[in-house]
Amino acid sequence: MGQDQTKQQIEKGLHLYQSNQTEKALRVWMRVLEKSADPAGRFRVLGCLITAHAEMGRYKDMLKFAVVQIDTARELEDPDFLTESYLNLARSNEKLCEFQKTISYCKTCLNMQGTTVSLQLNGQVSLSMGNAFLGLSIFQKALECFEKALRYAHNNDDKMLECRVCCSLGNFYTQIKDYEKALFFPCKAAELVNDYGKGWSLKYRAMSQYHMAVAYRKLGRLADAMDCCEESMKIALQHGDRPLQALCLLCFADIHRSRRDVQTAFPRYDSSMSIMTEIGNRLGLVQVLLGVTKCWMIQKELDKALESIEKAQELAEGLGNKLGLLKLHCLCERIYRTKEQQRELRDHVVKFHECVEEMELYCGMCGESIGEKNNQLQALPCSHFFHLKCLQTNGTRGCPNCRRLSVKPGYV
């Protein structure tokens, strides 16, 4: 298959894919991969296969094609292609919750400076790295990366990237419990979709609606949460987007749990868990198991709650997700307090405070914890964040956290 024929077949596959005929598109692209003698064409078709498998939640296949794409880029001896293929490798590992590998591949991309494509891709690299740091609960570095990605988006007038970063920032502020910002950023993403997204994939609309649903639920606006989640789920079902279906099912279950309707919540957690297991979203599984634990606690089935915690803890430790571990210690503390088991209670109180210390989840001004309840937060240019009221009351000539770090004694 020559260069022109390769190009035609790739376009044919794209047309099928955009018409929701995904399996037909995949067959066309696989034929190109087998028969094309044009390395640049093969590189491009591998990019199509990586994107399609990512959206279907076939993350192991996504990773397999990303590895082949790196070999193709080396064959082409083109640094632009190599940068792009390393980004795809980073994104594959991010989806599989291999966060340390994601960060390593992102750093490789950023070190390949001087290529023309790297300037366009650096925003996407920063976003992927930010998502990985967030998965590891390294909040300052995650925020730094998201802000860099946002700067790239603004400088290049890249509204699609800006939309994706806003969704990640919504997730970031949901995790540290500034629910005002957790809602603001996905609403901003939804605005971008409305203003600029006429030719975009509907996944951008679905993504912003899902993150809005999560924020609305946290704020107790359950009817709004249900409306947004239903719209997101509708698009996810139309497009066969399994990862988003799993997240929407989790959100539906959480909404029902917030209404104390445990019997409706449980089957949705089960459906979400089934898809999360199928696609390999271990971080999502931790979230599902946290929800299941809380349902058992509502029903006062404390031993069943502890069984769910044990499964979640194993997953969170394997991922290095410190926030998940903190939440699990918090739930254990409540369970053992109810059971009046003092030794186990003390053990989890100690571990809870170790997690807070490790993640620096406290305000450097008032010393109170961050992420325990809904609070307005403000980040300084160094990406350390504080209670907004503390900054307004005390002002600052510099970051107290950075000052403390600079005077820590070194090794003698």
Protein backbone atom coordinates (compact mmCIF):
# COMPACT_ATOMS: atom_id res chain seq x y z
CA MET A 1 0.00 0.00 0.00
CA GLY A 2 1.58 3.31 -1.16
CA GLN A 3 1.58 6.73 0.51
CA ASP A 4 -1.57 8.09 -1.21
CA GLN A 5 -3.57 4.92 -0.61
CA THR A 6 -2.46 4.89 3.04
CA LYS A 7 -3.68 8.47 3.44
CA GLN A 8 -7.06 7.66 1.85
CA GLN A 9 -7.58 4.64 4.10
CA ILE A 10 -6.70 6.62 7.23
CA GLU A 11 -9.28 9.27 6.25
CA LYS A 12 -11.85 6.55 5.55
CA GLY A 13 -11.25 5.15 9.05
CA LEU A 14 -11.61 8.62 10.61
CA HIS A 15 -14.92 9.16 8.80
CA LEU A 16 -16.23 5.81 10.10
CA TYR A 17 -14.98 6.58 13.61
CA GLN A 18 -16.67 9.99 13.66
CA SER A 19 -19.90 8.30 12.50
CA ASN A 20 -19.76 6.01 15.58
CA GLN A 21 -18.79 2.97 13.47
CA THR A 22 -15.80 2.29 15.70
CA GLU A 23 -15.24 -1.41 15.00
CA LYS A 24 -15.30 -0.80 11.20
CA ALA A 25 -12.83 2.07 11.64
CA LEU A 26 -10.51 -0.17 13.67
CA ARG A 27 -10.58 -2.85 10.93
CA VAL A 28 -9.66 -0.25 8.27
CA TRP A 29 -6.77 1.09 10.37
CA MET A 30 -5.47 -2.40 11.22
CA ARG A 31 -5.35 -3.21 7.47
CA VAL A 32 -3.31 -0.04 6.88
CA LEU A 33 -0.94 -1.07 9.67
CA GLU A 34 -0.44 -4.52 8.15
CA LYS A 35 -0.10 -3.48 4.48
CA SER A 36 1.33 0.06 4.36
CA ALA A 37 4.97 0.55 3.35
CA ASP A 38 4.86 4.23 4.38
CA PRO A 39 6.38 4.66 7.90
CA ALA A 40 4.89 8.18 8.36
CA GLY A 41 1.45 6.81 7.42
CA ARG A 42 1.90 3.91 9.85
CA PHE A 43 2.85 6.40 12.57
CA ARG A 44 -0.32 8.38 11.94
CA VAL A 45 -2.58 5.31 11.90
CA LEU A 46 -1.03 4.16 15.19
CA GLY A 47 -2.03 7.56 16.63
CA CYS A 48 -5.63 6.93 15.49
CA LEU A 49 -5.61 3.46 17.08
CA ILE A 50 -4.20 4.85 20.35
CA THR A 51 -6.92 7.53 20.56
CA ALA A 52 -9.73 5.09 19.71
CA HIS A 53 -8.59 2.50 22.26
CA ALA A 54 -8.21 5.23 24.91
CA GLU A 55 -11.81 6.36 24.42
CA MET A 56 -13.10 2.77 24.54
CA GLY A 57 -11.18 2.09 27.75
CA ARG A 58 -8.98 -0.57 26.15
CA TYR A 59 -5.93 0.77 27.91
CA LYS A 60 -3.70 -2.29 27.53
CA ASP A 61 -4.21 -2.18 23.75
CA MET A 62 -3.57 1.57 23.86
CA LEU A 63 -0.23 0.88 25.57
CA LYS A 64 0.64 -1.86 23.05
CA PHE A 65 0.13 0.51 20.09
CA ALA A 66 2.05 3.31 21.89
CA VAL A 67 5.09 1.00 22.20
CA VAL A 68 4.87 0.12 18.46
CA GLN A 69 4.57 3.85 17.67
CA ILE A 70 7.84 4.58 19.51
CA ASP A 71 9.61 1.95 17.37
CA THR A 72 8.12 3.55 14.23
CA ALA A 73 9.28 7.02 15.36
CA ARG A 74 12.82 5.69 15.89
CA GLU A 75 12.71 4.15 12.39
CA LEU A 76 11.72 7.58 11.00
CA GLU A 77 14.56 9.24 12.99
CA ASP A 78 12.32 12.26 13.55
CA PRO A 79 12.43 13.96 17.00
CA ASP A 80 8.93 15.42 16.50
CA PHE A 81 7.46 11.94 16.02
CA LEU A 82 9.46 10.64 18.97
CA THR A 83 8.12 13.39 21.28
CA GLU A 84 4.55 12.62 20.24
CA SER A 85 5.01 8.88 20.76
CA TYR A 86 6.48 9.39 24.26
CA LEU A 87 3.43 11.52 25.12
CA ASN A 88 1.17 8.66 23.98
CA LEU A 89 3.20 6.26 26.12
CA ALA A 90 2.81 8.62 29.11
CA ARG A 91 -0.96 8.91 28.54
CA SER A 92 -1.31 5.10 28.25
CA ASN A 93 0.41 4.64 31.59
CA GLU A 94 -1.69 7.44 33.13
CA LYS A 95 -4.88 5.59 32.10
CA LEU A 96 -3.50 2.36 33.59
CA CYS A 97 -2.76 4.28 36.85
CA GLU A 98 1.00 3.71 36.48
CA PHE A 99 1.65 7.23 37.73
CA GLN A 100 5.43 7.06 38.33
CA LYS A 101 5.96 5.77 34.76
CA THR A 102 3.69 8.55 33.44
CA ILE A 103 5.81 11.20 35.16
CA SER A 104 9.03 9.63 33.85
CA TYR A 105 7.79 9.56 30.21
CA CYS A 106 6.46 13.13 30.52
CA LYS A 107 9.89 14.30 31.69
CA THR A 108 11.42 12.55 28.66
CA CYS A 109 9.04 14.56 26.42
CA LEU A 110 9.91 17.85 28.12
CA ASN A 111 13.64 17.13 27.76
CA MET A 112 13.24 16.82 23.96
CA GLN A 113 13.28 20.59 23.50
CA GLY A 114 14.00 22.19 20.15
CA THR A 115 11.50 20.15 18.17
CA THR A 116 8.72 22.10 16.48
CA VAL A 117 5.99 19.77 17.72
CA SER A 118 7.20 19.86 21.36
CA LEU A 119 6.04 23.46 21.70
CA GLN A 120 2.51 22.39 20.71
CA LEU A 121 2.54 19.25 22.87
CA ASN A 122 4.07 20.66 26.07
CA GLY A 123 0.64 21.69 27.35
CA GLN A 124 -0.68 18.13 26.92
CA VAL A 125 2.46 16.75 28.56
CA SER A 126 1.99 19.09 31.56
CA LEU A 127 -1.66 18.05 31.84
CA SER A 128 -0.80 14.32 31.83
CA MET A 129 1.94 14.90 34.41
CA GLY A 130 -0.47 16.90 36.58
CA ASN A 131 -3.02 14.08 36.46
CA ALA A 132 -0.30 11.61 37.52
CA PHE A 133 0.83 13.79 40.45
CA LEU A 134 -2.83 14.12 41.47
CA GLY A 135 -3.15 10.31 41.36
CA LEU A 136 -0.20 10.16 43.80
CA SER A 137 -1.78 12.95 45.95
CA ILE A 138 1.24 15.24 45.40
CA PHE A 139 -0.97 18.31 45.28
CA GLN A 140 1.55 21.14 44.96
CA LYS A 141 3.25 19.55 41.93
CA ALA A 142 -0.14 18.64 40.40
CA LEU A 143 -1.30 22.26 40.65
CA GLU A 144 2.02 23.51 39.21
CA CYS A 145 1.57 21.24 36.16
CA PHE A 146 -2.09 22.21 35.63
CA GLU A 147 -1.19 25.91 35.76
CA LYS A 148 1.62 25.34 33.22
CA ALA A 149 -0.81 23.47 30.95
CA LEU A 150 -3.28 26.34 31.27
CA ARG A 151 -0.57 28.86 30.28
CA TYR A 152 0.28 26.78 27.18
CA ALA A 153 -3.43 26.62 26.31
CA HIS A 154 -3.80 30.42 26.59
CA ASN A 155 -0.55 31.18 24.72
CA ASN A 156 -1.49 28.87 21.83
CA ASP A 157 -5.22 29.75 21.94
CA ASP A 158 -5.90 26.02 22.37
CA LYS A 159 -9.49 25.90 23.66
CA MET A 160 -9.67 22.08 23.64
CA LEU A 161 -6.65 21.83 25.93
CA GLU A 162 -8.06 24.60 28.14
CA CYS A 163 -11.31 22.61 28.44
CA ARG A 164 -9.44 19.45 29.50
CA VAL A 165 -7.30 21.35 32.03
CA CYS A 166 -10.41 22.96 33.55
CA CYS A 167 -11.90 19.49 34.08
CA SER A 168 -8.68 18.30 35.78
CA LEU A 169 -8.67 21.42 37.99
CA GLY A 170 -12.28 20.63 38.92
CA ASN A 171 -11.10 17.16 40.01
CA PHE A 172 -8.15 18.71 41.89
CA TYR A 173 -10.35 21.08 43.93
CA THR A 174 -12.92 18.32 44.55
CA GLN A 175 -10.17 16.27 46.19
CA ILE A 176 -8.99 19.06 48.50
CA LYS A 177 -12.60 20.13 49.19
CA ASP A 178 -12.84 23.64 47.79
CA TYR A 179 -16.20 22.90 46.21
CA GLU A 180 -16.73 26.44 44.89
CA LYS A 181 -13.67 26.06 42.63
CA ALA A 182 -14.55 22.39 42.00
CA LEU A 183 -17.74 23.67 40.34
CA PHE A 184 -16.25 26.82 38.77
CA PHE A 185 -13.70 25.01 36.58
CA PRO A 186 -15.99 22.41 34.93
CA CYS A 187 -18.57 25.21 34.41
CA LYS A 188 -15.80 27.11 32.61
CA ALA A 189 -15.11 23.95 30.55
CA ALA A 190 -18.83 23.73 29.65
CA GLU A 191 -18.73 27.40 28.55
CA LEU A 192 -15.75 26.66 26.28
CA VAL A 193 -17.68 23.75 24.73
CA ASN A 194 -20.71 25.99 24.11
CA ASP A 195 -18.65 28.87 22.67
CA TYR A 196 -16.02 27.01 20.61
CA GLY A 197 -16.96 23.32 20.51
CA LYS A 198 -19.24 23.11 17.47
CA GLY A 199 -16.76 20.89 15.62
CA TRP A 200 -15.40 19.12 18.71
CA SER A 201 -16.11 15.60 19.80
CA LEU A 202 -19.11 15.35 22.15
CA LYS A 203 -16.76 13.78 24.72
CA TYR A 204 -15.75 17.32 25.79
CA ARG A 205 -19.35 18.16 26.66
CA ALA A 206 -19.79 14.83 28.45
CA MET A 207 -16.56 15.33 30.40
CA SER A 208 -17.52 18.82 31.63
CA GLN A 209 -21.03 17.66 32.59
CA TYR A 210 -19.62 14.73 34.60
CA HIS A 211 -17.25 16.98 36.60
CA MET A 212 -20.10 19.45 37.21
CA ALA A 213 -22.22 16.54 38.51
CA VAL A 214 -19.50 15.56 41.01
CA ALA A 215 -19.20 19.15 42.30
CA TYR A 216 -22.99 19.60 42.55
CA ARG A 217 -23.25 16.40 44.59
CA LYS A 218 -20.53 17.55 46.98
CA LEU A 219 -22.40 20.84 47.40
CA GLY A 220 -25.62 18.94 48.21
CA ARG A 221 -27.35 20.08 44.99
CA LEU A 222 -28.44 16.53 44.17
CA ALA A 223 -31.07 17.34 41.52
CA ASP A 224 -28.51 19.39 39.54
CA ALA A 225 -25.95 16.59 39.99
CA MET A 226 -28.42 14.04 38.62
CA ASP A 227 -29.27 16.21 35.57
CA CYS A 228 -25.60 16.72 34.63
CA CYS A 229 -24.72 13.06 35.22
CA GLU A 230 -27.64 11.89 33.07
CA GLU A 231 -26.52 14.12 30.19
CA SER A 232 -22.93 12.85 30.50
CA MET A 233 -24.09 9.20 30.64
CA LYS A 234 -26.29 9.65 27.56
CA ILE A 235 -23.30 10.82 25.48
CA ALA A 236 -21.05 8.10 26.96
CA LEU A 237 -23.55 5.41 25.94
CA GLN A 238 -23.97 6.87 22.41
CA HIS A 239 -20.19 6.83 21.87
CA GLY A 240 -19.34 3.56 23.62
CA ASP A 241 -17.16 5.50 26.10
CA ARG A 242 -16.70 2.80 28.76
CA PRO A 243 -14.43 4.82 31.09
CA LEU A 244 -16.95 7.65 31.31
CA GLN A 245 -19.84 5.20 31.78
CA ALA A 246 -18.01 3.76 34.81
CA LEU A 247 -17.48 7.25 36.29
CA CYS A 248 -21.13 8.22 35.71
CA LEU A 249 -22.35 5.01 37.38
CA LEU A 250 -20.10 5.83 40.36
CA CYS A 251 -21.55 9.35 40.48
CA PHE A 252 -25.14 8.02 40.29
CA ALA A 253 -24.35 5.63 43.16
CA ASP A 254 -22.86 8.47 45.24
CA ILE A 255 -25.96 10.63 44.60
CA HIS A 256 -28.24 7.81 45.81
CA ARG A 257 -26.01 7.28 48.85
CA SER A 258 -26.21 11.02 49.62
CA ARG A 259 -30.02 10.55 49.62
CA ARG A 260 -29.53 7.59 52.03
CA ASP A 261 -31.02 5.32 49.33
CA VAL A 262 -28.50 2.52 49.84
CA GLN A 263 -30.53 -0.16 48.02
CA THR A 264 -30.44 1.89 44.79
CA ALA A 265 -26.77 2.82 45.28
CA PHE A 266 -25.38 -0.73 45.66
CA PRO A 267 -26.24 -2.04 42.13
CA ARG A 268 -24.74 1.10 40.57
CA TYR A 269 -21.53 0.66 42.55
CA ASP A 270 -21.45 -2.97 41.35
CA SER A 271 -21.90 -1.92 37.68
CA SER A 272 -19.22 0.76 38.02
CA MET A 273 -16.84 -1.70 39.69
CA SER A 274 -17.36 -4.20 36.88
CA ILE A 275 -16.36 -1.67 34.18
CA MET A 276 -13.49 -0.23 36.26
CA THR A 277 -12.09 -3.78 36.66
CA GLU A 278 -12.52 -4.50 32.93
CA ILE A 279 -10.65 -1.35 31.81
CA GLY A 280 -8.02 -1.38 34.59
CA ASN A 281 -8.95 1.87 36.37
CA ARG A 282 -7.60 0.97 39.82
CA LEU A 283 -7.93 4.52 41.13
CA GLY A 284 -11.62 4.42 40.15
CA LEU A 285 -11.96 1.12 42.02
CA VAL A 286 -10.65 2.77 45.21
CA GLN A 287 -13.39 5.43 44.83
CA VAL A 288 -16.06 2.75 44.29
CA LEU A 289 -14.93 0.79 47.36
CA LEU A 290 -14.98 4.00 49.47
CA GLY A 291 -18.62 4.52 48.44
CA VAL A 292 -19.50 0.88 49.16
CA THR A 293 -17.85 1.17 52.60
CA LYS A 294 -19.96 4.23 53.43
CA CYS A 295 -23.13 2.35 52.38
CA TRP A 296 -22.28 -0.54 54.72
CA MET A 297 -21.65 2.02 57.49
CA ILE A 298 -25.10 3.59 56.89
CA GLN A 299 -26.55 0.10 57.32
CA LYS A 300 -24.36 -0.42 60.44
CA GLU A 301 -22.76 -3.50 58.80
CA LEU A 302 -19.33 -2.62 60.20
CA ASP A 303 -17.57 -5.92 59.44
CA LYS A 304 -18.63 -5.71 55.78
CA ALA A 305 -17.40 -2.10 55.74
CA LEU A 306 -14.00 -3.29 57.02
CA GLU A 307 -13.85 -5.93 54.24
CA SER A 308 -14.34 -3.19 51.61
CA ILE A 309 -11.71 -1.03 53.32
CA GLU A 310 -9.17 -3.87 53.22
CA LYS A 311 -9.63 -4.27 49.43
CA ALA A 312 -9.43 -0.50 48.87
CA GLN A 313 -6.34 -0.17 51.05
CA GLU A 314 -4.46 -2.80 49.05
CA LEU A 315 -5.28 -0.96 45.81
CA ALA A 316 -4.44 2.52 47.19
CA GLU A 317 -1.09 1.32 48.55
CA GLY A 318 -0.23 -0.29 45.20
CA LEU A 319 -1.03 2.97 43.39
CA GLY A 320 0.69 5.24 45.92
CA ASN A 321 -2.59 7.16 46.33
CA LYS A 322 -2.08 8.84 49.70
CA LEU A 323 -5.44 10.65 49.79
CA GLY A 324 -7.26 7.34 49.35
CA LEU A 325 -5.29 5.92 52.29
CA LEU A 326 -6.09 8.99 54.41
CA LYS A 327 -9.83 8.57 53.73
CA LEU A 328 -9.65 4.87 54.59
CA HIS A 329 -7.89 5.59 57.91
CA CYS A 330 -10.59 8.17 58.65
CA LEU A 331 -13.35 5.60 58.03
CA CYS A 332 -11.51 2.98 60.12
CA GLU A 333 -11.24 5.52 62.94
CA ARG A 334 -15.05 5.97 62.90
CA ILE A 335 -15.70 2.21 62.76
CA TYR A 336 -13.32 1.33 65.63
CA ARG A 337 -14.66 4.22 67.73
CA THR A 338 -18.14 2.70 67.32
CA LYS A 339 -16.79 -0.77 68.11
CA GLU A 340 -14.89 0.69 71.13
CA GLN A 341 -11.66 -1.00 70.02
CA GLN A 342 -9.19 1.51 71.43
CA ARG A 343 -5.90 0.00 70.18
CA GLU A 344 -7.09 -0.16 66.52
CA LEU A 345 -8.63 3.32 66.87
CA ARG A 346 -5.30 4.84 68.05
CA ASP A 347 -3.41 3.07 65.26
CA HIS A 348 -5.60 4.64 62.55
CA VAL A 349 -5.55 8.10 64.21
CA VAL A 350 -1.72 8.02 64.07
CA LYS A 351 -1.72 6.84 60.42
CA PHE A 352 -4.30 9.50 59.49
CA HIS A 353 -2.05 12.28 60.88
CA GLU A 354 1.00 10.80 59.13
CA CYS A 355 -0.89 11.03 55.80
CA VAL A 356 -1.90 14.67 56.50
CA GLU A 357 1.73 15.54 57.29
CA GLU A 358 3.10 13.70 54.24
CA MET A 359 0.67 15.44 51.85
CA GLU A 360 1.07 18.84 53.59
CA LEU A 361 -2.72 18.96 53.88
CA TYR A 362 -2.79 21.78 56.41
CA CYS A 363 -2.82 25.55 56.19
CA GLY A 364 0.66 26.98 56.81
CA MET A 365 -0.91 30.00 58.53
CA CYS A 366 -3.54 28.68 60.95
CA GLY A 367 -2.22 25.10 61.14
CA GLU A 368 -5.69 23.61 60.61
CA SER A 369 -6.15 20.74 58.15
CA ILE A 370 -7.16 21.22 54.52
CA GLY A 371 -9.49 18.76 52.82
CA GLU A 372 -11.43 17.83 55.96
CA LYS A 373 -14.44 20.02 55.11
CA ASN A 374 -15.52 22.42 52.35
CA ASN A 375 -13.29 25.52 52.53
CA GLN A 376 -12.32 28.26 50.09
CA LEU A 377 -8.62 27.92 49.29
CA GLN A 378 -6.11 30.13 47.51
CA ALA A 379 -2.83 29.09 45.92
CA LEU A 380 0.24 31.35 45.94
CA PRO A 381 2.54 31.51 42.85
CA CYS A 382 4.63 28.66 44.33
CA SER A 383 1.47 26.44 44.23
CA HIS A 384 1.28 26.03 48.02
CA PHE A 385 -2.34 26.62 49.01
CA PHE A 386 -3.93 28.12 52.14
CA HIS A 387 -7.34 28.99 53.51
CA LEU A 388 -8.50 32.09 51.63
CA LYS A 389 -9.67 33.68 54.92
CA CYS A 390 -6.15 33.22 56.41
CA LEU A 391 -4.51 35.00 53.45
CA GLN A 392 -7.09 37.81 53.64
CA THR A 393 -6.63 38.20 57.40
CA ASN A 394 -2.84 37.90 57.63
CA GLY A 395 -1.64 38.87 54.16
CA THR A 396 1.73 37.48 53.06
CA ARG A 397 5.04 38.77 51.78
CA GLY A 398 5.99 35.30 50.72
CA CYS A 399 4.97 31.71 51.22
CA PRO A 400 5.30 30.57 54.86
CA ASN A 401 5.60 26.94 53.68
CA CYS A 402 8.52 27.79 51.37
CA ARG A 403 10.19 29.78 54.19
CA ARG A 404 9.89 26.79 56.53
CA LEU A 405 11.36 24.42 53.94
CA SER A 406 14.32 26.74 53.31
CA VAL A 407 15.34 26.77 56.99
CA LYS A 408 15.05 23.02 57.56
CA PRO A 409 18.44 21.70 58.75
CA GLY A 410 20.35 19.69 56.17
CA TYR A 411 22.41 16.57 56.73
CA VAL A 412 25.62 17.22 58.64
